[in-house]
């Protein structure tokens, strides 16, 4: 991956809806090579997918809570049960396995404090 590829990635991370002609202009490349490079980045798995970032307050999800989780045990069965359980919870939008003080770190998104309490 060279500097041109890095400029392509930076531009697409800022605006994933850029059309190829616009992207080529932004990074200083003609459209055909730009399109080939984007396609190669996709084929190589560097660009995994394109997504829409949603304003959480406009969809009634205005509260983000970060929670530290401690498990009774860190054996594979306990960890697997925990991971399986949180995958069925749409409020949990991110789960990180931690080293050190706690076992997991969750990002939970809900409408408000009452919704978090119910969760």
C-alpha atoms as a PDB file:
ATOM      1  CA  UNK A   1       0.000   0.000   0.000  1.00  0.00           C
ATOM      2  CA  UNK A   2       1.498   3.315  -1.061  1.00  0.00           C
ATOM      3  CA  UNK A   3       0.724   6.960  -0.280  1.00  0.00           C
ATOM      4  CA  UNK A   4      -1.969   7.156  -2.976  1.00  0.00           C
ATOM      5  CA  UNK A   5      -3.801   4.200  -1.425  1.00  0.00           C
ATOM      6  CA  UNK A   6      -3.551   5.880   1.966  1.00  0.00           C
ATOM      7  CA  UNK A   7      -5.041   9.090   0.525  1.00  0.00           C
ATOM      8  CA  UNK A   8      -7.880   7.050  -0.984  1.00  0.00           C
ATOM      9  CA  UNK A   9      -8.606   5.429   2.370  1.00  0.00           C
ATOM     10  CA  UNK A  10      -8.500   8.748   4.195  1.00  0.00           C
ATOM     11  CA  UNK A  11     -10.888  10.359   1.715  1.00  0.00           C
ATOM     12  CA  UNK A  12     -13.328   7.436   1.838  1.00  0.00           C
ATOM     13  CA  UNK A  13     -13.241   7.375   5.637  1.00  0.00           C
ATOM     14  CA  UNK A  14     -14.240  11.030   5.637  1.00  0.00           C
ATOM     15  CA  UNK A  15     -16.946  10.545   3.004  1.00  0.00           C
ATOM     16  CA  UNK A  16     -17.803   7.031   1.888  1.00  0.00           C
ATOM     17  CA  UNK A  17     -20.338   8.370  -0.639  1.00  0.00           C
ATOM     18  CA  UNK A  18     -17.708   9.998  -2.855  1.00  0.00           C
ATOM     19  CA  UNK A  19     -18.249   9.088  -6.487  1.00  0.00           C
ATOM     20  CA  UNK A  20     -15.161   7.863  -8.314  1.00  0.00           C
ATOM     21  CA  UNK A  21     -14.721  11.116 -10.268  1.00  0.00           C
ATOM     22  CA  UNK A  22     -14.874  13.162  -7.060  1.00  0.00           C
ATOM     23  CA  UNK A  23     -12.504  10.789  -5.275  1.00  0.00           C
ATOM     24  CA  UNK A  24     -10.028  10.909  -8.154  1.00  0.00           C
ATOM     25  CA  UNK A  25     -10.067  14.708  -8.051  1.00  0.00           C
ATOM     26  CA  UNK A  26      -9.593  14.793  -4.267  1.00  0.00           C
ATOM     27  CA  UNK A  27      -6.556  12.508  -4.347  1.00  0.00           C
ATOM     28  CA  UNK A  28      -5.070  13.885  -7.564  1.00  0.00           C
ATOM     29  CA  UNK A  29      -5.471  10.857  -9.802  1.00  0.00           C
ATOM     30  CA  UNK A  30      -7.370  10.239 -13.024  1.00  0.00           C
ATOM     31  CA  UNK A  31     -10.657   8.309 -12.661  1.00  0.00           C
ATOM     32  CA  UNK A  32      -9.622   4.985 -14.223  1.00  0.00           C
ATOM     33  CA  UNK A  33      -6.544   4.328 -12.033  1.00  0.00           C
ATOM     34  CA  UNK A  34      -8.486   5.580  -9.021  1.00  0.00           C
ATOM     35  CA  UNK A  35     -11.269   3.076  -9.651  1.00  0.00           C
ATOM     36  CA  UNK A  36      -8.740   0.255 -10.125  1.00  0.00           C
ATOM     37  CA  UNK A  37      -7.052   1.129  -6.833  1.00  0.00           C
ATOM     38  CA  UNK A  38     -10.352   1.245  -4.915  1.00  0.00           C
ATOM     39  CA  UNK A  39     -11.355  -2.095  -6.423  1.00  0.00           C
ATOM     40  CA  UNK A  40      -7.976  -3.580  -5.415  1.00  0.00           C
ATOM     41  CA  UNK A  41      -8.374  -2.238  -1.861  1.00  0.00           C
ATOM     42  CA  UNK A  42     -11.807  -3.901  -1.728  1.00  0.00           C
ATOM     43  CA  UNK A  43     -10.536  -7.177  -3.224  1.00  0.00           C
ATOM     44  CA  UNK A  44      -7.641  -7.254  -0.743  1.00  0.00           C
ATOM     45  CA  UNK A  45     -10.074  -6.828   2.158  1.00  0.00           C
ATOM     46  CA  UNK A  46      -8.558  -3.502   3.204  1.00  0.00           C
ATOM     47  CA  UNK A  47     -11.920  -1.851   2.523  1.00  0.00           C
ATOM     48  CA  UNK A  48     -14.348  -4.273   4.133  1.00  0.00           C
ATOM     49  CA  UNK A  49     -17.645  -2.448   3.633  1.00  0.00           C
ATOM     50  CA  UNK A  50     -19.326   0.928   3.398  1.00  0.00           C
ATOM     51  CA  UNK A  51     -21.626   2.034   6.211  1.00  0.00           C
ATOM     52  CA  UNK A  52     -23.882   4.908   7.224  1.00  0.00           C
ATOM     53  CA  UNK A  53     -23.197   6.701  10.496  1.00  0.00           C
ATOM     54  CA  UNK A  54     -26.496   7.553  12.168  1.00  0.00           C
ATOM     55  CA  UNK A  55     -27.139  10.506  14.470  1.00  0.00           C
ATOM     56  CA  UNK A  56     -28.135   8.540  17.562  1.00  0.00           C
ATOM     57  CA  UNK A  57     -30.235  11.339  19.054  1.00  0.00           C
ATOM     58  CA  UNK A  58     -32.442  11.432  15.935  1.00  0.00           C
ATOM     59  CA  UNK A  59     -33.279   7.731  16.319  1.00  0.00           C
ATOM     60  CA  UNK A  60     -33.952   7.999  20.056  1.00  0.00           C
ATOM     61  CA  UNK A  61     -30.660   6.467  21.185  1.00  0.00           C
ATOM     62  CA  UNK A  62     -29.218   9.462  22.983  1.00  0.00           C
ATOM     63  CA  UNK A  63     -27.367   7.735  25.824  1.00  0.00           C
ATOM     64  CA  UNK A  64     -24.114   5.829  25.511  1.00  0.00           C
ATOM     65  CA  UNK A  65     -22.890   3.923  28.551  1.00  0.00           C
ATOM     66  CA  UNK A  66     -19.536   2.205  28.917  1.00  0.00           C
ATOM     67  CA  UNK A  67     -19.602  -0.763  31.269  1.00  0.00           C
ATOM     68  CA  UNK A  68     -16.792  -2.858  32.674  1.00  0.00           C
ATOM     69  CA  UNK A  69     -17.654  -6.527  33.132  1.00  0.00           C
ATOM     70  CA  UNK A  70     -16.038  -9.055  35.476  1.00  0.00           C
ATOM     71  CA  UNK A  71     -16.777 -12.739  34.943  1.00  0.00           C
ATOM     72  CA  UNK A  72     -16.725 -15.293  37.766  1.00  0.00           C
ATOM     73  CA  UNK A  73     -14.264 -17.320  35.723  1.00  0.00           C
ATOM     74  CA  UNK A  74     -12.278 -16.774  32.542  1.00  0.00           C
ATOM     75  CA  UNK A  75     -12.502 -20.353  31.266  1.00  0.00           C
ATOM     76  CA  UNK A  76     -13.566 -20.858  27.649  1.00  0.00           C
ATOM     77  CA  UNK A  77     -17.075 -22.048  28.517  1.00  0.00           C
ATOM     78  CA  UNK A  78     -17.845 -18.986  30.679  1.00  0.00           C
ATOM     79  CA  UNK A  79     -16.431 -16.565  28.118  1.00  0.00           C
ATOM     80  CA  UNK A  80     -18.335 -18.257  25.281  1.00  0.00           C
ATOM     81  CA  UNK A  81     -21.609 -18.115  27.253  1.00  0.00           C
ATOM     82  CA  UNK A  82     -21.089 -14.414  27.938  1.00  0.00           C
ATOM     83  CA  UNK A  83     -20.295 -13.641  24.293  1.00  0.00           C
ATOM     84  CA  UNK A  84     -23.316 -15.641  23.113  1.00  0.00           C
ATOM     85  CA  UNK A  85     -25.576 -13.794  25.568  1.00  0.00           C
ATOM     86  CA  UNK A  86     -24.524 -10.280  24.572  1.00  0.00           C
ATOM     87  CA  UNK A  87     -24.880 -11.041  20.861  1.00  0.00           C
ATOM     88  CA  UNK A  88     -28.635 -11.201  21.479  1.00  0.00           C
ATOM     89  CA  UNK A  89     -28.636  -7.739  23.060  1.00  0.00           C
ATOM     90  CA  UNK A  90     -28.990  -5.008  20.416  1.00  0.00           C
ATOM     91  CA  UNK A  91     -28.147  -2.359  23.011  1.00  0.00           C
ATOM     92  CA  UNK A  92     -24.571  -3.687  23.143  1.00  0.00           C
ATOM     93  CA  UNK A  93     -22.938  -2.149  20.091  1.00  0.00           C
ATOM     94  CA  UNK A  94     -19.340  -2.932  20.990  1.00  0.00           C
ATOM     95  CA  UNK A  95     -17.613  -5.515  23.171  1.00  0.00           C
ATOM     96  CA  UNK A  96     -13.891  -5.518  23.879  1.00  0.00           C
ATOM     97  CA  UNK A  97     -11.974  -8.296  25.608  1.00  0.00           C
ATOM     98  CA  UNK A  98      -9.734  -6.636  28.194  1.00  0.00           C
ATOM     99  CA  UNK A  99      -6.473  -7.520  29.889  1.00  0.00           C
ATOM    100  CA  UNK A 100      -6.010  -6.392  33.456  1.00  0.00           C
ATOM    101  CA  UNK A 101      -8.644  -4.976  35.773  1.00  0.00           C
ATOM    102  CA  UNK A 102     -11.830  -6.243  34.091  1.00  0.00           C
ATOM    103  CA  UNK A 103     -12.689  -8.986  31.614  1.00  0.00           C
ATOM    104  CA  UNK A 104     -14.820  -7.098  29.082  1.00  0.00           C
ATOM    105  CA  UNK A 105     -15.605  -3.493  28.214  1.00  0.00           C
ATOM    106  CA  UNK A 106     -19.014  -2.842  26.640  1.00  0.00           C
ATOM    107  CA  UNK A 107     -20.435   0.141  24.802  1.00  0.00           C
ATOM    108  CA  UNK A 108     -24.174   0.202  25.340  1.00  0.00           C
ATOM    109  CA  UNK A 109     -26.480   2.588  23.453  1.00  0.00           C
ATOM    110  CA  UNK A 110     -30.013   3.253  24.663  1.00  0.00           C
ATOM    111  CA  UNK A 111     -32.627   6.012  24.596  1.00  0.00           C
ATOM    112  CA  UNK A 112     -32.115   7.315  28.114  1.00  0.00           C
ATOM    113  CA  UNK A 113     -31.232   6.390  31.692  1.00  0.00           C
ATOM    114  CA  UNK A 114     -34.540   4.597  32.235  1.00  0.00           C
ATOM    115  CA  UNK A 115     -33.891   2.432  29.188  1.00  0.00           C
ATOM    116  CA  UNK A 116     -30.422   1.658  30.517  1.00  0.00           C
ATOM    117  CA  UNK A 117     -31.879   0.643  33.894  1.00  0.00           C
ATOM    118  CA  UNK A 118     -34.329  -1.694  32.119  1.00  0.00           C
ATOM    119  CA  UNK A 119     -31.485  -3.125  30.069  1.00  0.00           C
END
